[in-house]
Structures are given as structure tokens and as C-alpha cells.
């Protein structure tokens, strides 16, 4: 029997290919950042405590993330290899949200506990609010609503 026809080989090959196709994020040191990314990281992290850096390659494109704590809340900034800011995820206080956004998140949470809310900004424009939620069984997941509290056509 050919090895290519054995079920175990097919399963292993499938797992290997899925692993290659998925985005691969890895923690890196600041010294591993390209110069343009390091410059942006220095600018966006002024006054912050840096938690770490990561690099991710998805669909052949590499991006970098700066994770930090600023004024007591989390802030993550995704940067492309040329140092351009792609996405900013910044923790916001639930009390600071509009009634429409609170209502939209509440509806999407559907009885799950909202643990943390972040604003998502792309290309300098607020595009969504993302909440980390937890079910009664302890399972955690994320939900999103638009800046107006309405459901999004697609996840940001």
C-alpha cells in the first residue's frame, strides 16, 4: 500500500497544510523590529509601559504589533513593515460609551458578561467597538458593533 493512501498520512498532511496557511504570530524583541517599525513604536508608546512586541505573517504580508499599557489601560498598535499604523485597539471604559453602543454590545453579549471593551481604529477612523465576553460556563469570546452600536456587516 502506498504511504500516500494511508489515512494517517492524509491527516498529517492536512494538519501541516492548515498550519502553514494560518497566520503565524510570534513574540519578538524590540531589537528585531525593522527601523521604520521601531520609529513608529517609539512614537506611539511615549508615556506607556511596553508589554511586548509580536510579528505576524498572513497571506505573505508581515505586520508588527506593539502591546502597551497607557494611562492604566491596554493599547495595541498594529504596524506594517514600512512603519505605517494599520490598526489601533485601545481599551475604553464602558461608562464612556454612548447609550447606543452600550445597548448594541448588550444585545450582542446576549447574557454573557462583558469583561473589556476596546475601540478599533483603522486608517485614523473609528470602525468598531470590540468586547471580550464570558459565558456562565467560563468560555470567552469576542463580539463587535459599529461606532453607532449597530451590528456590523462584517467583523473588523
N, C-alpha and C. Protein backbone atom coordinates (compact mmCIF):
# COMPACT_ATOMS: atom_id res chain seq x y z
N UNK A 1 0.85 -1.20 0.00
CA UNK A 1 0.00 0.00 0.00
C UNK A 1 0.88 1.24 0.00
N UNK A 2 0.56 2.16 -0.81
CA UNK A 2 1.32 3.41 -0.90
C UNK A 2 1.09 4.26 0.35
N UNK A 3 2.16 4.92 0.81
CA UNK A 3 2.05 5.79 2.00
C UNK A 3 1.09 6.95 1.76
N UNK A 4 0.96 7.37 0.51
CA UNK A 4 0.06 8.47 0.20
C UNK A 4 -1.40 8.10 0.37
N UNK A 5 -1.69 6.80 0.40
CA UNK A 5 -3.07 6.36 0.52
C UNK A 5 -3.46 6.02 1.96
N UNK A 6 -2.52 6.05 2.87
CA UNK A 6 -2.86 5.72 4.25
C UNK A 6 -3.56 6.90 4.90
N UNK A 7 -4.61 6.60 5.69
CA UNK A 7 -5.38 7.68 6.34
C UNK A 7 -4.53 8.56 7.25
N UNK A 8 -3.58 7.96 7.98
CA UNK A 8 -2.78 8.76 8.92
C UNK A 8 -1.91 9.77 8.17
N UNK A 9 -1.38 9.40 7.02
CA UNK A 9 -0.57 10.34 6.25
C UNK A 9 -1.43 11.50 5.76
N UNK A 10 -2.63 11.19 5.31
CA UNK A 10 -3.53 12.24 4.82
C UNK A 10 -3.87 13.23 5.93
N UNK A 11 -4.13 12.71 7.12
CA UNK A 11 -4.45 13.59 8.25
C UNK A 11 -3.26 14.47 8.59
N UNK A 12 -2.07 13.87 8.67
CA UNK A 12 -0.87 14.65 8.99
C UNK A 12 -0.60 15.71 7.92
N UNK A 13 -0.77 15.36 6.68
CA UNK A 13 -0.55 16.33 5.60
C UNK A 13 -1.54 17.47 5.70
N UNK A 14 -2.80 17.16 6.01
CA UNK A 14 -3.83 18.20 6.16
C UNK A 14 -3.51 19.14 7.29
N UNK A 15 -3.11 18.60 8.44
CA UNK A 15 -2.75 19.43 9.60
C UNK A 15 -1.56 20.32 9.25
N UNK A 16 -0.58 19.78 8.57
CA UNK A 16 0.61 20.56 8.19
C UNK A 16 0.22 21.71 7.26
N UNK A 17 -0.61 21.44 6.28
CA UNK A 17 -1.01 22.49 5.34
C UNK A 17 -1.84 23.58 6.00
N UNK A 18 -2.74 23.19 6.89
CA UNK A 18 -3.54 24.18 7.63
C UNK A 18 -2.62 25.07 8.44
N UNK A 19 -1.63 24.49 9.10
CA UNK A 19 -0.68 25.26 9.90
C UNK A 19 0.08 26.27 9.07
N UNK A 20 0.44 25.92 7.88
CA UNK A 20 1.17 26.83 7.00
C UNK A 20 0.27 27.97 6.54
N UNK A 21 -0.99 27.67 6.24
CA UNK A 21 -1.91 28.67 5.69
C UNK A 21 -2.37 29.69 6.73
N UNK A 22 -2.43 29.31 7.99
CA UNK A 22 -2.89 30.23 9.01
C UNK A 22 -1.82 31.26 9.33
N UNK A 23 -2.27 32.40 9.82
CA UNK A 23 -1.34 33.45 10.23
C UNK A 23 -0.47 32.91 11.35
N UNK A 24 0.79 33.29 11.33
CA UNK A 24 1.71 32.81 12.34
C UNK A 24 2.27 34.00 13.09
N UNK A 25 1.81 34.17 14.33
CA UNK A 25 2.26 35.27 15.18
C UNK A 25 3.31 34.75 16.14
N UNK A 26 4.37 35.53 16.30
CA UNK A 26 5.39 35.14 17.27
C UNK A 26 5.87 36.36 18.02
N UNK A 27 6.21 36.15 19.27
CA UNK A 27 6.75 37.22 20.09
C UNK A 27 8.17 37.51 19.62
N UNK A 28 8.52 38.79 19.60
CA UNK A 28 9.88 39.18 19.20
C UNK A 28 10.39 40.24 20.17
N UNK A 29 11.68 40.52 20.07
CA UNK A 29 12.31 41.56 20.88
C UNK A 29 12.26 42.89 20.11
N UNK A 30 12.36 43.97 20.85
CA UNK A 30 12.36 45.29 20.22
C UNK A 30 13.50 45.39 19.20
N UNK A 31 14.62 44.80 19.52
CA UNK A 31 15.78 44.85 18.62
C UNK A 31 15.53 44.12 17.30
N UNK A 32 14.49 43.29 17.23
CA UNK A 32 14.14 42.58 15.99
C UNK A 32 13.24 43.39 15.06
N UNK A 33 12.76 44.54 15.54
CA UNK A 33 11.88 45.37 14.72
C UNK A 33 12.66 46.03 13.59
N UNK A 34 12.08 46.09 12.38
CA UNK A 34 12.72 46.87 11.31
C UNK A 34 12.81 48.34 11.75
N UNK A 35 13.78 49.11 11.25
CA UNK A 35 13.94 50.51 11.67
C UNK A 35 12.68 51.36 11.56
N UNK A 36 11.93 51.22 10.49
CA UNK A 36 10.71 52.03 10.33
C UNK A 36 9.66 51.66 11.38
N UNK A 37 9.57 50.40 11.71
CA UNK A 37 8.62 49.93 12.73
C UNK A 37 9.07 50.41 14.11
N UNK A 38 10.37 50.35 14.36
CA UNK A 38 10.92 50.82 15.64
C UNK A 38 10.61 52.31 15.83
N UNK A 39 10.73 53.09 14.77
CA UNK A 39 10.45 54.52 14.86
C UNK A 39 8.98 54.76 15.23
N UNK A 40 8.08 54.05 14.57
CA UNK A 40 6.65 54.18 14.88
C UNK A 40 6.36 53.70 16.30
N UNK A 41 6.97 52.59 16.69
CA UNK A 41 6.78 52.05 18.04
C UNK A 41 7.20 53.07 19.09
N UNK A 42 8.31 53.74 18.86
CA UNK A 42 8.78 54.76 19.81
C UNK A 42 7.78 55.92 19.90
N UNK A 43 7.21 56.32 18.76
CA UNK A 43 6.26 57.43 18.75
C UNK A 43 4.95 57.08 19.45
N UNK A 44 4.40 55.89 19.16
CA UNK A 44 3.08 55.53 19.71
C UNK A 44 3.14 55.11 21.17
N UNK A 45 4.34 54.79 21.65
CA UNK A 45 4.45 54.29 23.02
C UNK A 45 4.96 55.34 24.02
N UNK A 46 5.05 56.60 23.59
CA UNK A 46 5.50 57.65 24.51
C UNK A 46 4.59 57.69 25.73
N UNK A 47 5.20 57.61 26.91
CA UNK A 47 4.45 57.65 28.16
C UNK A 47 3.81 56.33 28.55
N UNK A 48 4.02 55.28 27.76
CA UNK A 48 3.40 53.99 28.02
C UNK A 48 4.42 52.99 28.56
N UNK A 49 3.91 51.93 29.14
CA UNK A 49 4.74 50.79 29.54
C UNK A 49 4.55 49.72 28.48
N UNK A 50 5.62 49.35 27.81
CA UNK A 50 5.52 48.36 26.74
C UNK A 50 5.47 46.96 27.35
N UNK A 51 4.45 46.20 26.93
CA UNK A 51 4.30 44.82 27.38
C UNK A 51 5.05 43.86 26.46
N UNK A 52 5.14 44.20 25.18
CA UNK A 52 5.84 43.32 24.26
C UNK A 52 5.58 43.66 22.81
N UNK A 53 6.26 42.90 21.95
CA UNK A 53 6.16 43.06 20.51
C UNK A 53 5.90 41.70 19.89
N UNK A 54 5.18 41.70 18.76
CA UNK A 54 4.99 40.45 18.03
C UNK A 54 5.04 40.74 16.54
N UNK A 55 5.28 39.67 15.81
CA UNK A 55 5.36 39.73 14.35
C UNK A 55 4.41 38.67 13.82
N UNK A 56 3.66 39.03 12.80
CA UNK A 56 2.71 38.08 12.22
C UNK A 56 2.79 38.15 10.71
N UNK A 57 2.81 36.99 10.07
CA UNK A 57 2.79 36.92 8.62
C UNK A 57 1.51 36.23 8.19
N UNK A 58 0.72 36.95 7.41
CA UNK A 58 -0.54 36.42 6.91
C UNK A 58 -0.67 36.78 5.45
N UNK A 59 -0.94 35.77 4.64
CA UNK A 59 -1.07 35.95 3.19
C UNK A 59 0.15 36.65 2.62
N UNK A 60 1.31 36.30 3.12
CA UNK A 60 2.57 36.83 2.61
C UNK A 60 2.93 38.23 3.10
N UNK A 61 2.11 38.83 3.94
CA UNK A 61 2.38 40.18 4.44
C UNK A 61 2.73 40.10 5.93
N UNK A 62 3.80 40.78 6.29
CA UNK A 62 4.25 40.79 7.68
C UNK A 62 3.83 42.08 8.36
N UNK A 63 3.23 41.94 9.53
CA UNK A 63 2.88 43.10 10.34
C UNK A 63 3.47 42.92 11.74
N UNK A 64 3.52 44.01 12.47
CA UNK A 64 4.11 44.02 13.81
C UNK A 64 3.09 44.64 14.76
N UNK A 65 3.09 44.14 16.00
CA UNK A 65 2.18 44.69 17.00
C UNK A 65 2.96 45.13 18.21
N UNK A 66 2.63 46.33 18.68
CA UNK A 66 3.20 46.89 19.90
C UNK A 66 2.11 46.81 20.95
N UNK A 67 2.35 46.05 22.02
CA UNK A 67 1.37 45.93 23.10
C UNK A 67 1.86 46.76 24.27
N UNK A 68 0.96 47.61 24.80
CA UNK A 68 1.38 48.51 25.87
C UNK A 68 0.25 48.80 26.84
N UNK A 69 0.62 49.41 27.94
CA UNK A 69 -0.33 49.94 28.91
C UNK A 69 -0.11 51.45 28.93
N UNK A 70 -1.18 52.20 28.70
CA UNK A 70 -1.09 53.65 28.66
C UNK A 70 -2.20 54.22 29.55
N UNK A 71 -1.82 55.01 30.51
CA UNK A 71 -2.79 55.61 31.44
C UNK A 71 -3.71 54.56 32.07
N UNK A 72 -3.14 53.40 32.39
CA UNK A 72 -3.89 52.37 33.09
C UNK A 72 -4.75 51.47 32.23
N UNK A 73 -4.71 51.62 30.90
CA UNK A 73 -5.50 50.75 30.04
C UNK A 73 -4.64 50.19 28.92
N UNK A 74 -5.10 49.09 28.33
CA UNK A 74 -4.32 48.46 27.27
C UNK A 74 -4.48 49.20 25.94
N UNK A 75 -3.41 49.15 25.17
CA UNK A 75 -3.42 49.74 23.83
C UNK A 75 -2.48 48.90 22.98
N UNK A 76 -2.99 48.39 21.87
CA UNK A 76 -2.20 47.60 20.93
C UNK A 76 -2.22 48.32 19.59
N UNK A 77 -1.05 48.45 18.99
CA UNK A 77 -0.94 49.13 17.71
C UNK A 77 -0.30 48.18 16.71
N UNK A 78 -1.02 47.94 15.60
CA UNK A 78 -0.51 47.09 14.52
C UNK A 78 0.09 47.99 13.44
N UNK A 79 1.31 47.63 13.02
CA UNK A 79 2.08 48.45 12.10
C UNK A 79 2.57 47.58 10.94
N UNK A 80 2.58 48.14 9.73
CA UNK A 80 3.14 47.36 8.62
C UNK A 80 4.66 47.49 8.60
N UNK A 81 5.31 46.77 7.71
CA UNK A 81 6.76 46.73 7.67
C UNK A 81 7.41 48.07 7.34
N UNK A 82 6.62 49.00 6.77
CA UNK A 82 7.14 50.33 6.45
C UNK A 82 6.91 51.33 7.59
N UNK A 83 6.27 50.86 8.68
CA UNK A 83 6.04 51.73 9.84
C UNK A 83 4.69 52.43 9.84
N UNK A 84 3.83 52.15 8.86
CA UNK A 84 2.50 52.77 8.82
C UNK A 84 1.58 52.07 9.81
N UNK A 85 0.81 52.86 10.55
CA UNK A 85 -0.14 52.31 11.51
C UNK A 85 -1.34 51.76 10.76
N UNK A 86 -1.66 50.50 11.03
CA UNK A 86 -2.80 49.85 10.38
C UNK A 86 -4.03 49.85 11.27
N UNK A 87 -3.85 49.40 12.52
CA UNK A 87 -4.97 49.26 13.45
C UNK A 87 -4.53 49.66 14.85
N UNK A 88 -5.41 50.36 15.55
CA UNK A 88 -5.20 50.66 16.97
C UNK A 88 -6.37 50.07 17.74
N UNK A 89 -6.05 49.21 18.70
CA UNK A 89 -7.05 48.66 19.61
C UNK A 89 -6.77 49.27 20.97
N UNK A 90 -7.72 50.04 21.48
CA UNK A 90 -7.49 50.73 22.75
C UNK A 90 -8.65 50.50 23.70
N UNK A 91 -8.32 50.05 24.89
CA UNK A 91 -9.35 49.79 25.90
C UNK A 91 -10.06 51.09 26.26
N UNK A 92 -11.38 50.99 26.36
CA UNK A 92 -12.20 52.13 26.76
C UNK A 92 -13.09 51.71 27.93
N UNK A 93 -13.40 52.68 28.77
CA UNK A 93 -14.30 52.42 29.89
C UNK A 93 -15.72 52.27 29.36
N UNK A 94 -16.42 51.27 29.85
CA UNK A 94 -17.80 51.05 29.41
C UNK A 94 -18.66 52.28 29.69
N UNK A 95 -18.40 52.94 30.81
CA UNK A 95 -19.17 54.14 31.17
C UNK A 95 -18.98 55.28 30.17
N UNK A 96 -17.87 55.26 29.42
CA UNK A 96 -17.61 56.35 28.47
C UNK A 96 -18.32 56.15 27.13
N UNK A 97 -18.93 54.98 26.92
CA UNK A 97 -19.59 54.68 25.66
C UNK A 97 -20.97 55.32 25.59
N UNK A 98 -21.40 55.60 24.37
CA UNK A 98 -22.75 56.15 24.18
C UNK A 98 -23.78 55.08 24.56
N UNK A 99 -24.99 55.53 24.84
CA UNK A 99 -26.07 54.60 25.19
C UNK A 99 -26.33 53.60 24.06
N UNK A 100 -26.22 54.07 22.81
CA UNK A 100 -26.45 53.19 21.66
C UNK A 100 -25.40 52.08 21.58
N UNK A 101 -24.13 52.43 21.84
CA UNK A 101 -23.07 51.43 21.80
C UNK A 101 -23.23 50.44 22.96
N UNK A 102 -23.54 50.95 24.14
CA UNK A 102 -23.78 50.06 25.29
C UNK A 102 -24.93 49.09 24.98
N UNK A 103 -26.00 49.61 24.41
CA UNK A 103 -27.16 48.77 24.09
C UNK A 103 -26.80 47.73 23.03
N UNK A 104 -26.05 48.15 22.02
CA UNK A 104 -25.64 47.22 20.96
C UNK A 104 -24.75 46.11 21.49
N UNK A 105 -23.80 46.47 22.34
CA UNK A 105 -22.93 45.46 22.94
C UNK A 105 -23.73 44.53 23.85
N UNK A 106 -24.66 45.11 24.61
CA UNK A 106 -25.50 44.30 25.49
C UNK A 106 -26.32 43.29 24.72
N UNK A 107 -26.88 43.72 23.59
CA UNK A 107 -27.69 42.83 22.76
C UNK A 107 -26.83 41.71 22.19
N UNK A 108 -25.63 42.06 21.71
CA UNK A 108 -24.72 41.05 21.14
C UNK A 108 -24.17 40.12 22.21
N UNK A 109 -24.00 40.61 23.43
CA UNK A 109 -23.48 39.78 24.52
C UNK A 109 -24.49 38.71 24.90
N UNK A 110 -25.78 39.00 24.74
CA UNK A 110 -26.85 38.03 24.98
C UNK A 110 -26.68 37.28 26.30
N UNK A 111 -26.55 38.04 27.39
CA UNK A 111 -26.47 37.43 28.71
C UNK A 111 -25.07 37.08 29.18
N UNK A 112 -24.09 37.18 28.27
CA UNK A 112 -22.71 36.94 28.68
C UNK A 112 -22.16 38.19 29.35
N UNK A 113 -21.18 38.00 30.22
CA UNK A 113 -20.58 39.11 30.95
C UNK A 113 -19.56 39.83 30.07
N UNK A 114 -19.67 41.15 29.98
CA UNK A 114 -18.70 41.94 29.23
C UNK A 114 -17.50 42.20 30.15
N UNK A 115 -16.32 41.71 29.73
CA UNK A 115 -15.12 41.83 30.54
C UNK A 115 -14.31 43.08 30.21
N UNK A 116 -14.26 43.43 28.93
CA UNK A 116 -13.39 44.52 28.48
C UNK A 116 -13.90 45.00 27.13
N UNK A 117 -13.83 46.32 26.91
CA UNK A 117 -14.24 46.89 25.61
C UNK A 117 -13.06 47.67 25.04
N UNK A 118 -12.84 47.49 23.74
CA UNK A 118 -11.80 48.22 23.03
C UNK A 118 -12.39 48.93 21.82
N UNK A 119 -11.85 50.11 21.53
CA UNK A 119 -12.19 50.77 20.28
C UNK A 119 -11.23 50.26 19.22
N UNK A 120 -11.71 50.09 17.99
CA UNK A 120 -10.88 49.67 16.87
C UNK A 120 -10.81 50.82 15.87
N UNK A 121 -9.61 51.30 15.63
CA UNK A 121 -9.40 52.40 14.71
C UNK A 121 -8.53 51.93 13.56
N UNK A 122 -9.00 52.14 12.32
CA UNK A 122 -8.24 51.77 11.12
C UNK A 122 -8.10 53.02 10.26
N UNK A 123 -6.90 53.25 9.80
CA UNK A 123 -6.62 54.42 8.96
C UNK A 123 -7.14 55.71 9.59
N UNK A 124 -6.98 55.81 10.91
CA UNK A 124 -7.36 57.02 11.63
C UNK A 124 -8.85 57.17 11.86
N UNK A 125 -9.66 56.15 11.53
CA UNK A 125 -11.11 56.25 11.67
C UNK A 125 -11.63 55.14 12.59
N UNK A 126 -12.46 55.51 13.56
CA UNK A 126 -13.09 54.54 14.44
C UNK A 126 -14.02 53.67 13.60
N UNK A 127 -13.79 52.35 13.60
CA UNK A 127 -14.60 51.46 12.77
C UNK A 127 -15.47 50.51 13.59
N UNK A 128 -15.13 50.28 14.85
CA UNK A 128 -15.91 49.34 15.65
C UNK A 128 -15.52 49.41 17.12
N UNK A 129 -16.38 48.80 17.92
CA UNK A 129 -16.06 48.52 19.32
C UNK A 129 -16.07 47.00 19.45
N UNK A 130 -15.08 46.49 20.13
CA UNK A 130 -14.95 45.05 20.32
C UNK A 130 -14.97 44.76 21.81
N UNK A 131 -15.79 43.81 22.22
CA UNK A 131 -15.87 43.45 23.63
C UNK A 131 -15.46 42.00 23.83
N UNK A 132 -14.70 41.78 24.88
CA UNK A 132 -14.38 40.42 25.32
C UNK A 132 -15.51 40.04 26.27
N UNK A 133 -16.15 38.90 26.01
CA UNK A 133 -17.28 38.46 26.82
C UNK A 133 -17.01 37.06 27.36
N UNK A 134 -17.70 36.74 28.46
CA UNK A 134 -17.54 35.44 29.09
C UNK A 134 -18.92 34.85 29.41
N UNK A 135 -19.12 33.61 29.02
CA UNK A 135 -20.39 32.93 29.29
C UNK A 135 -20.39 32.42 30.73
N UNK A 136 -21.54 31.96 31.18
CA UNK A 136 -21.67 31.41 32.54
C UNK A 136 -20.75 30.21 32.74
N UNK A 137 -20.45 29.49 31.66
CA UNK A 137 -19.58 28.32 31.76
C UNK A 137 -18.09 28.70 31.76
N UNK A 138 -17.81 29.99 31.57
CA UNK A 138 -16.43 30.46 31.59
C UNK A 138 -15.79 30.62 30.22
N UNK A 139 -16.50 30.23 29.15
CA UNK A 139 -15.95 30.35 27.79
C UNK A 139 -15.89 31.82 27.39
N UNK A 140 -14.71 32.24 26.89
CA UNK A 140 -14.52 33.62 26.47
C UNK A 140 -14.56 33.73 24.96
N UNK A 141 -15.10 34.83 24.48
CA UNK A 141 -15.16 35.12 23.05
C UNK A 141 -15.21 36.63 22.85
N UNK A 142 -15.29 37.06 21.59
CA UNK A 142 -15.32 38.48 21.27
C UNK A 142 -16.56 38.79 20.44
N UNK A 143 -17.09 39.99 20.64
CA UNK A 143 -18.21 40.48 19.86
C UNK A 143 -17.85 41.89 19.37
N UNK A 144 -18.50 42.32 18.31
CA UNK A 144 -18.25 43.67 17.79
C UNK A 144 -19.55 44.35 17.42
N UNK A 145 -19.53 45.68 17.52
CA UNK A 145 -20.60 46.52 16.99
C UNK A 145 -19.93 47.72 16.30
N UNK A 146 -20.68 48.38 15.47
CA UNK A 146 -20.17 49.57 14.80
C UNK A 146 -20.07 50.75 15.75
N UNK A 147 -19.47 51.85 15.31
CA UNK A 147 -19.34 53.04 16.14
C UNK A 147 -20.68 53.60 16.61
N UNK A 148 -21.75 53.22 15.89
CA UNK A 148 -23.11 53.68 16.24
C UNK A 148 -23.86 52.66 17.09
N UNK A 149 -23.19 51.55 17.44
CA UNK A 149 -23.82 50.50 18.24
C UNK A 149 -24.57 49.46 17.43
N UNK A 150 -24.66 49.68 16.12
CA UNK A 150 -25.38 48.75 15.25
C UNK A 150 -24.49 47.55 14.89
N UNK A 151 -25.13 46.40 14.56
CA UNK A 151 -24.35 45.24 14.12
C UNK A 151 -23.56 45.58 12.87
N UNK A 152 -22.40 44.94 12.71
CA UNK A 152 -21.54 45.16 11.54
C UNK A 152 -21.90 44.17 10.44
N UNK A 153 -21.71 44.58 9.19
CA UNK A 153 -21.92 43.68 8.08
C UNK A 153 -20.85 42.59 8.07
N UNK A 154 -19.64 42.95 8.53
CA UNK A 154 -18.53 42.01 8.62
C UNK A 154 -17.64 42.40 9.81
N UNK A 155 -16.99 41.42 10.39
CA UNK A 155 -16.09 41.68 11.52
C UNK A 155 -14.91 42.53 11.05
N UNK A 156 -14.49 43.44 11.89
CA UNK A 156 -13.33 44.27 11.58
C UNK A 156 -12.07 43.61 12.08
